[in-house]
Amino acid sequence: MPTIEYFYSAHSAFAYLGSRHLYAICAKHGAKLIHRPIALSPVVEAQKSQPFHARTQAHVDYFFGREIERWAEWRDVPVVNFRPTHHDADYTLASQMILALGDQGPEADAMAHANLEAHWRDDADLSDEITLREIAEAQGHAADVLLATARGADVASRYAANTQMGKDKALFGSPTYVVDGDAFYGQDRLDLVERALTRPFKPSAWRNPPVDPT
């Protein structure tokens, strides 16, 4: 069975834009999707990438503005605006709520998408426990039980391990899809991800350049 490791933050715009398409690809190819929600800023900054607040306004307007608008129209995904009101909040509990349902399977799939959709379509604050309770209940879960599990040491440890894995793999953004060790950054690479499920790309010559004998 082909497998995709799905590294993303619970509030990522581009994870949201690609979410439904990713699930459709998995269904089409019978691929196993492993959810690896991460704390995004520590992963990005571990690779010496610029944090959001340090980027130029031109970059922000294009990458986090116009690109979101175009991809939302292309994928037919509703977006409230290019930067939700509570986008800089703490999404630890929202991430761990996904992991509390496991790292794979339809319940984790649905919860991950529900979080993203609530944030980007409805301008929901994913750091607010009342909001998370509403999302959990809408998915048919007992909110008290799910949130208690999400706050447990086991789930917190798995979330930290995912974040460390992102650092170790030198990932630099959300979403990143890893197929058989080959990382694809950005939901605009989903066509390549789909191809890799059935026919892996040739090994990278760039990572292992030939030695110049001279």
C-alpha atoms as a PDB file:
ATOM      1  CA  MET A   1       0.000   0.000   0.000  1.00  0.00           C
ATOM      2  CA  PRO A   2       1.462   3.418  -0.943  1.00  0.00           C
ATOM      3  CA  THR A   3       1.866   5.816   1.972  1.00  0.00           C
ATOM      4  CA  ILE A   4       1.885   9.588   2.309  1.00  0.00           C
ATOM      5  CA  GLU A   5       3.259  11.247   5.433  1.00  0.00           C
ATOM      6  CA  TYR A   6       1.338  14.501   5.746  1.00  0.00           C
ATOM      7  CA  PHE A   7       3.225  17.225   7.638  1.00  0.00           C
ATOM      8  CA  TYR A   8       1.121  20.343   8.247  1.00  0.00           C
ATOM      9  CA  SER A   9       0.009  22.870  10.801  1.00  0.00           C
ATOM     10  CA  ALA A  10      -3.588  22.837  12.009  1.00  0.00           C
ATOM     11  CA  HIS A  11      -4.131  26.385  10.690  1.00  0.00           C
ATOM     12  CA  SER A  12      -2.223  26.242   7.394  1.00  0.00           C
ATOM     13  CA  ALA A  13      -3.856  28.020   4.456  1.00  0.00           C
ATOM     14  CA  PHE A  14      -2.264  25.815   1.849  1.00  0.00           C
ATOM     15  CA  ALA A  15      -2.994  22.622   3.764  1.00  0.00           C
ATOM     16  CA  TYR A  16      -6.640  23.734   3.709  1.00  0.00           C
ATOM     17  CA  LEU A  17      -6.582  24.504  -0.008  1.00  0.00           C
ATOM     18  CA  GLY A  18      -5.210  21.057  -0.801  1.00  0.00           C
ATOM     19  CA  SER A  19      -7.062  19.051   1.839  1.00  0.00           C
ATOM     20  CA  ARG A  20      -9.969  17.669  -0.169  1.00  0.00           C
ATOM     21  CA  HIS A  21      -7.798  17.033  -3.208  1.00  0.00           C
ATOM     22  CA  LEU A  22      -5.295  15.127  -1.074  1.00  0.00           C
ATOM     23  CA  TYR A  23      -8.031  12.895   0.312  1.00  0.00           C
ATOM     24  CA  ALA A  24      -9.363  12.265  -3.196  1.00  0.00           C
ATOM     25  CA  ILE A  25      -5.891  11.198  -4.352  1.00  0.00           C
ATOM     26  CA  CYS A  26      -5.578   8.806  -1.411  1.00  0.00           C
ATOM     27  CA  ALA A  27      -8.997   7.297  -2.144  1.00  0.00           C
ATOM     28  CA  LYS A  28      -8.197   6.900  -5.834  1.00  0.00           C
ATOM     29  CA  HIS A  29      -4.918   5.078  -5.231  1.00  0.00           C
ATOM     30  CA  GLY A  30      -5.726   3.287  -1.980  1.00  0.00           C
ATOM     31  CA  ALA A  31      -2.937   5.225  -0.279  1.00  0.00           C
ATOM     32  CA  LYS A  32      -2.469   5.311   3.490  1.00  0.00           C
ATOM     33  CA  LEU A  33      -2.344   8.877   4.811  1.00  0.00           C
ATOM     34  CA  ILE A  34      -0.351   9.406   8.008  1.00  0.00           C
ATOM     35  CA  HIS A  35      -1.174  12.662   9.768  1.00  0.00           C
ATOM     36  CA  ARG A  36       1.813  14.462  11.220  1.00  0.00           C
ATOM     37  CA  PRO A  37       0.575  17.822  12.512  1.00  0.00           C
ATOM     38  CA  ILE A  38       3.515  19.960  13.605  1.00  0.00           C
ATOM     39  CA  ALA A  39       4.326  23.172  15.426  1.00  0.00           C
ATOM     40  CA  LEU A  40       5.130  25.102  12.273  1.00  0.00           C
ATOM     41  CA  SER A  41       7.274  28.013  13.457  1.00  0.00           C
ATOM     42  CA  PRO A  42       9.940  25.872  15.194  1.00  0.00           C
ATOM     43  CA  VAL A  43      10.227  23.681  12.086  1.00  0.00           C
ATOM     44  CA  VAL A  44      10.492  26.649   9.714  1.00  0.00           C
ATOM     45  CA  GLU A  45      12.966  28.514  11.891  1.00  0.00           C
ATOM     46  CA  ALA A  46      15.134  25.403  12.369  1.00  0.00           C
ATOM     47  CA  GLN A  47      15.886  25.617   8.631  1.00  0.00           C
ATOM     48  CA  LYS A  48      16.821  29.323   9.020  1.00  0.00           C
ATOM     49  CA  SER A  49      13.784  30.351   6.987  1.00  0.00           C
ATOM     50  CA  GLN A  50      12.305  33.763   7.698  1.00  0.00           C
ATOM     51  CA  PRO A  51       9.412  33.864  10.153  1.00  0.00           C
ATOM     52  CA  PHE A  52       6.214  35.397   8.782  1.00  0.00           C
ATOM     53  CA  HIS A  53       6.684  38.753  10.520  1.00  0.00           C
ATOM     54  CA  ALA A  54      10.139  39.208   8.932  1.00  0.00           C
ATOM     55  CA  ARG A  55       8.995  38.776   5.326  1.00  0.00           C
ATOM     56  CA  THR A  56       8.543  41.681   2.964  1.00  0.00           C
ATOM     57  CA  GLN A  57       5.093  43.092   2.379  1.00  0.00           C
ATOM     58  CA  ALA A  58       5.388  42.243  -1.312  1.00  0.00           C
ATOM     59  CA  HIS A  59       6.046  38.587  -0.447  1.00  0.00           C
ATOM     60  CA  VAL A  60       3.145  38.496   2.014  1.00  0.00           C
ATOM     61  CA  ASP A  61       0.759  40.129  -0.460  1.00  0.00           C
ATOM     62  CA  TYR A  62       1.662  37.660  -3.185  1.00  0.00           C
ATOM     63  CA  PHE A  63       2.232  34.347  -1.407  1.00  0.00           C
ATOM     64  CA  PHE A  64      -0.297  34.754   1.397  1.00  0.00           C
ATOM     65  CA  GLY A  65      -2.715  36.920  -0.545  1.00  0.00           C
ATOM     66  CA  ARG A  66      -2.975  36.531  -4.292  1.00  0.00           C
ATOM     67  CA  GLU A  67      -1.846  32.888  -4.292  1.00  0.00           C
ATOM     68  CA  ILE A  68      -4.506  31.975  -1.730  1.00  0.00           C
ATOM     69  CA  GLU A  69      -7.168  33.771  -3.780  1.00  0.00           C
ATOM     70  CA  ARG A  70      -6.228  32.016  -7.008  1.00  0.00           C
ATOM     71  CA  TRP A  71      -5.884  28.537  -5.527  1.00  0.00           C
ATOM     72  CA  ALA A  72      -9.143  28.926  -3.607  1.00  0.00           C
ATOM     73  CA  GLU A  73     -10.899  29.739  -6.872  1.00  0.00           C
ATOM     74  CA  TRP A  74      -9.108  26.919  -8.727  1.00  0.00           C
ATOM     75  CA  ARG A  75      -9.958  24.299  -6.094  1.00  0.00           C
ATOM     76  CA  ASP A  76     -13.411  25.794  -5.441  1.00  0.00           C
ATOM     77  CA  VAL A  77     -12.656  26.210  -1.742  1.00  0.00           C
ATOM     78  CA  PRO A  78     -14.304  29.018   0.285  1.00  0.00           C
ATOM     79  CA  VAL A  79     -11.899  31.374   2.087  1.00  0.00           C
ATOM     80  CA  VAL A  80     -12.950  34.221   4.395  1.00  0.00           C
ATOM     81  CA  ASN A  81      -9.818  36.316   3.773  1.00  0.00           C
ATOM     82  CA  PHE A  82      -6.115  35.808   3.296  1.00  0.00           C
ATOM     83  CA  ARG A  83      -5.322  36.086   7.010  1.00  0.00           C
ATOM     84  CA  PRO A  84      -7.944  35.029   9.582  1.00  0.00           C
ATOM     85  CA  THR A  85      -8.404  37.178  12.685  1.00  0.00           C
ATOM     86  CA  HIS A  86      -6.776  34.695  15.113  1.00  0.00           C
ATOM     87  CA  HIS A  87      -4.107  33.328  12.795  1.00  0.00           C
ATOM     88  CA  ASP A  88      -1.261  33.974  15.249  1.00  0.00           C
ATOM     89  CA  ALA A  89      -2.845  32.112  18.174  1.00  0.00           C
ATOM     90  CA  ASP A  90      -1.563  28.900  19.779  1.00  0.00           C
ATOM     91  CA  TYR A  91      -2.769  25.838  17.854  1.00  0.00           C
ATOM     92  CA  THR A  92      -1.252  23.175  20.059  1.00  0.00           C
ATOM     93  CA  LEU A  93      -4.573  21.849  21.385  1.00  0.00           C
ATOM     94  CA  ALA A  94      -6.174  21.882  17.923  1.00  0.00           C
ATOM     95  CA  SER A  95      -3.247  19.852  16.581  1.00  0.00           C
ATOM     96  CA  GLN A  96      -3.379  17.415  19.478  1.00  0.00           C
ATOM     97  CA  MET A  97      -7.134  17.032  19.031  1.00  0.00           C
ATOM     98  CA  ILE A  98      -6.407  15.557  15.604  1.00  0.00           C
ATOM     99  CA  LEU A  99      -3.773  13.207  17.018  1.00  0.00           C
ATOM    100  CA  ALA A 100      -6.140  12.151  19.786  1.00  0.00           C
ATOM    101  CA  LEU A 101      -8.069  10.351  17.035  1.00  0.00           C
ATOM    102  CA  GLY A 102      -4.933   8.605  15.788  1.00  0.00           C
ATOM    103  CA  ASP A 103      -2.474   9.397  13.040  1.00  0.00           C
ATOM    104  CA  GLN A 104      -4.568   7.854  10.259  1.00  0.00           C
ATOM    105  CA  GLY A 105      -8.109   6.906   9.342  1.00  0.00           C
ATOM    106  CA  PRO A 106     -11.361   8.690   8.445  1.00  0.00           C
ATOM    107  CA  GLU A 107     -11.844  10.310  11.859  1.00  0.00           C
ATOM    108  CA  ALA A 108      -8.413  11.957  11.785  1.00  0.00           C
ATOM    109  CA  ASP A 109      -8.979  12.963   8.154  1.00  0.00           C
ATOM    110  CA  ALA A 110     -12.310  14.587   8.991  1.00  0.00           C
ATOM    111  CA  MET A 111     -11.005  16.388  12.076  1.00  0.00           C
ATOM    112  CA  ALA A 112      -7.981  17.800  10.281  1.00  0.00           C
ATOM    113  CA  HIS A 113     -10.169  19.189   7.517  1.00  0.00           C
ATOM    114  CA  ALA A 114     -12.796  20.481   9.958  1.00  0.00           C
ATOM    115  CA  ASN A 115     -10.164  22.490  11.845  1.00  0.00           C
ATOM    116  CA  LEU A 116      -8.753  23.983   8.653  1.00  0.00           C
ATOM    117  CA  GLU A 117     -12.183  24.754   7.243  1.00  0.00           C
ATOM    118  CA  ALA A 118     -13.403  26.387  10.447  1.00  0.00           C
ATOM    119  CA  HIS A 119     -10.319  28.616  10.532  1.00  0.00           C
ATOM    120  CA  TRP A 120     -10.268  29.654   6.870  1.00  0.00           C
ATOM    121  CA  ARG A 121     -13.955  29.561   5.932  1.00  0.00           C
ATOM    122  CA  ASP A 122     -15.530  30.664   9.212  1.00  0.00           C
ATOM    123  CA  ASP A 123     -12.708  32.740  10.770  1.00  0.00           C
ATOM    124  CA  ALA A 124     -12.765  30.493  13.846  1.00  0.00           C
ATOM    125  CA  ASP A 125     -10.218  30.810  16.640  1.00  0.00           C
ATOM    126  CA  LEU A 126      -8.638  27.354  16.910  1.00  0.00           C
ATOM    127  CA  SER A 127      -6.996  28.258  20.203  1.00  0.00           C
ATOM    128  CA  ASP A 128     -10.414  28.737  21.837  1.00  0.00           C
ATOM    129  CA  GLU A 129     -11.633  25.652  23.713  1.00  0.00           C
ATOM    130  CA  ILE A 130     -15.301  26.440  23.152  1.00  0.00           C
ATOM    131  CA  THR A 131     -14.661  26.534  19.416  1.00  0.00           C
ATOM    132  CA  LEU A 132     -12.769  23.248  19.543  1.00  0.00           C
ATOM    133  CA  ARG A 133     -15.616  21.670  21.493  1.00  0.00           C
ATOM    134  CA  GLU A 134     -18.072  22.763  18.826  1.00  0.00           C
ATOM    135  CA  ILE A 135     -15.879  21.309  16.076  1.00  0.00           C
ATOM    136  CA  ALA A 136     -15.483  18.025  17.963  1.00  0.00           C
ATOM    137  CA  GLU A 137     -19.223  17.711  18.613  1.00  0.00           C
ATOM    138  CA  ALA A 138     -20.028  18.519  14.982  1.00  0.00           C
ATOM    139  CA  GLN A 139     -17.826  15.558  14.051  1.00  0.00           C
ATOM    140  CA  GLY A 140     -19.820  13.327  16.393  1.00  0.00           C
ATOM    141  CA  HIS A 141     -17.281  13.114  19.220  1.00  0.00           C
ATOM    142  CA  ALA A 142     -17.731  13.554  22.961  1.00  0.00           C
ATOM    143  CA  ALA A 143     -15.815  16.809  23.372  1.00  0.00           C
ATOM    144  CA  ASP A 144     -14.854  16.260  27.035  1.00  0.00           C
ATOM    145  CA  VAL A 145     -13.345  12.867  26.314  1.00  0.00           C
ATOM    146  CA  LEU A 146     -11.564  13.948  23.138  1.00  0.00           C
ATOM    147  CA  LEU A 147     -10.045  17.078  24.657  1.00  0.00           C
ATOM    148  CA  ALA A 148      -8.916  15.182  27.755  1.00  0.00           C
ATOM    149  CA  THR A 149      -7.152  12.696  25.500  1.00  0.00           C
ATOM    150  CA  ALA A 150      -5.689  15.545  23.445  1.00  0.00           C
ATOM    151  CA  ARG A 151      -4.155  17.054  26.583  1.00  0.00           C
ATOM    152  CA  GLY A 152      -2.630  13.740  27.682  1.00  0.00           C
ATOM    153  CA  ALA A 153       1.085  13.051  27.831  1.00  0.00           C
ATOM    154  CA  ASP A 154       0.994  10.433  25.071  1.00  0.00           C
ATOM    155  CA  VAL A 155      -0.569  12.765  22.505  1.00  0.00           C
ATOM    156  CA  ALA A 156       1.679  15.652  23.533  1.00  0.00           C
ATOM    157  CA  SER A 157       4.691  13.383  23.074  1.00  0.00           C
ATOM    158  CA  ARG A 158       3.572  12.360  19.581  1.00  0.00           C
ATOM    159  CA  TYR A 159       3.004  15.995  18.614  1.00  0.00           C
ATOM    160  CA  ALA A 160       6.497  16.902  19.822  1.00  0.00           C
ATOM    161  CA  ALA A 161       7.915  13.908  17.938  1.00  0.00           C
ATOM    162  CA  ASN A 162       6.220  15.053  14.721  1.00  0.00           C
ATOM    163  CA  THR A 163       7.709  18.516  15.146  1.00  0.00           C
ATOM    164  CA  GLN A 164      11.173  17.061  15.738  1.00  0.00           C
ATOM    165  CA  MET A 165      10.712  14.822  12.699  1.00  0.00           C
ATOM    166  CA  GLY A 166       9.938  17.900  10.633  1.00  0.00           C
ATOM    167  CA  LYS A 167      13.168  19.503  11.811  1.00  0.00           C
ATOM    168  CA  ASP A 168      15.178  16.354  11.156  1.00  0.00           C
ATOM    169  CA  LYS A 169      13.787  16.086   7.629  1.00  0.00           C
ATOM    170  CA  ALA A 170      14.685  19.738   7.005  1.00  0.00           C
ATOM    171  CA  LEU A 171      11.106  20.614   6.089  1.00  0.00           C
ATOM    172  CA  PHE A 172      10.425  24.292   5.623  1.00  0.00           C
ATOM    173  CA  GLY A 173       6.704  24.723   5.266  1.00  0.00           C
ATOM    174  CA  SER A 174       3.148  23.423   5.479  1.00  0.00           C
ATOM    175  CA  PRO A 175       1.902  21.283   3.925  1.00  0.00           C
ATOM    176  CA  THR A 176       4.709  18.908   3.036  1.00  0.00           C
ATOM    177  CA  TYR A 177       3.876  15.442   1.718  1.00  0.00           C
ATOM    178  CA  VAL A 178       6.501  12.708   1.980  1.00  0.00           C
ATOM    179  CA  VAL A 179       6.241   9.675  -0.289  1.00  0.00           C
ATOM    180  CA  ASP A 180       8.877   6.986   0.245  1.00  0.00           C
ATOM    181  CA  GLY A 181      11.309   9.536   1.646  1.00  0.00           C
ATOM    182  CA  ASP A 182      10.745  12.067  -1.163  1.00  0.00           C
ATOM    183  CA  ALA A 183       9.335  15.369   0.162  1.00  0.00           C
ATOM    184  CA  PHE A 184       6.918  17.539  -1.819  1.00  0.00           C
ATOM    185  CA  TYR A 185       6.366  21.011  -0.367  1.00  0.00           C
ATOM    186  CA  GLY A 186       3.095  22.782  -1.060  1.00  0.00           C
ATOM    187  CA  GLN A 187      -0.377  21.735  -2.135  1.00  0.00           C
ATOM    188  CA  ASP A 188       0.518  22.868  -5.658  1.00  0.00           C
ATOM    189  CA  ARG A 189       2.732  19.755  -5.811  1.00  0.00           C
ATOM    190  CA  LEU A 190      -0.166  17.328  -5.350  1.00  0.00           C
ATOM    191  CA  ASP A 191      -0.033  16.237  -8.998  1.00  0.00           C
ATOM    192  CA  LEU A 192       3.570  15.191  -8.402  1.00  0.00           C
ATOM    193  CA  VAL A 193       2.562  13.430  -5.179  1.00  0.00           C
ATOM    194  CA  GLU A 194      -0.043  11.455  -7.106  1.00  0.00           C
ATOM    195  CA  ARG A 195       2.492  10.443  -9.740  1.00  0.00           C
ATOM    196  CA  ALA A 196       4.960   9.351  -7.021  1.00  0.00           C
ATOM    197  CA  LEU A 197       2.377   6.961  -5.567  1.00  0.00           C
ATOM    198  CA  THR A 198       2.477   4.820  -8.704  1.00  0.00           C
ATOM    199  CA  ARG A 199       5.847   5.661 -10.234  1.00  0.00           C
ATOM    200  CA  PRO A 200       8.565   7.137  -8.013  1.00  0.00           C
ATOM    201  CA  PHE A 201      10.725   9.886  -9.423  1.00  0.00           C
ATOM    202  CA  LYS A 202      14.336   9.161 -10.242  1.00  0.00           C
ATOM    203  CA  PRO A 203      16.793   9.682  -7.357  1.00  0.00           C
ATOM    204  CA  SER A 204      18.039  13.229  -7.014  1.00  0.00           C
ATOM    205  CA  ALA A 205      21.294  13.959  -8.820  1.00  0.00           C
ATOM    206  CA  TRP A 206      21.341  17.348  -7.147  1.00  0.00           C
ATOM    207  CA  ARG A 207      21.718  15.840  -3.675  1.00  0.00           C
ATOM    208  CA  ASN A 208      24.483  13.490  -4.794  1.00  0.00           C
ATOM    209  CA  PRO A 209      26.338  15.310  -7.581  1.00  0.00           C
ATOM    210  CA  PRO A 210      28.993  13.380  -9.479  1.00  0.00           C
ATOM    211  CA  VAL A 211      32.545  13.943  -8.314  1.00  0.00           C
ATOM    212  CA  ASP A 212      34.629  15.999 -10.720  1.00  0.00           C
ATOM    213  CA  PRO A 213      37.766  13.889 -11.340  1.00  0.00           C
ATOM    214  CA  THR A 214      39.783  17.007 -12.137  1.00  0.00           C
END
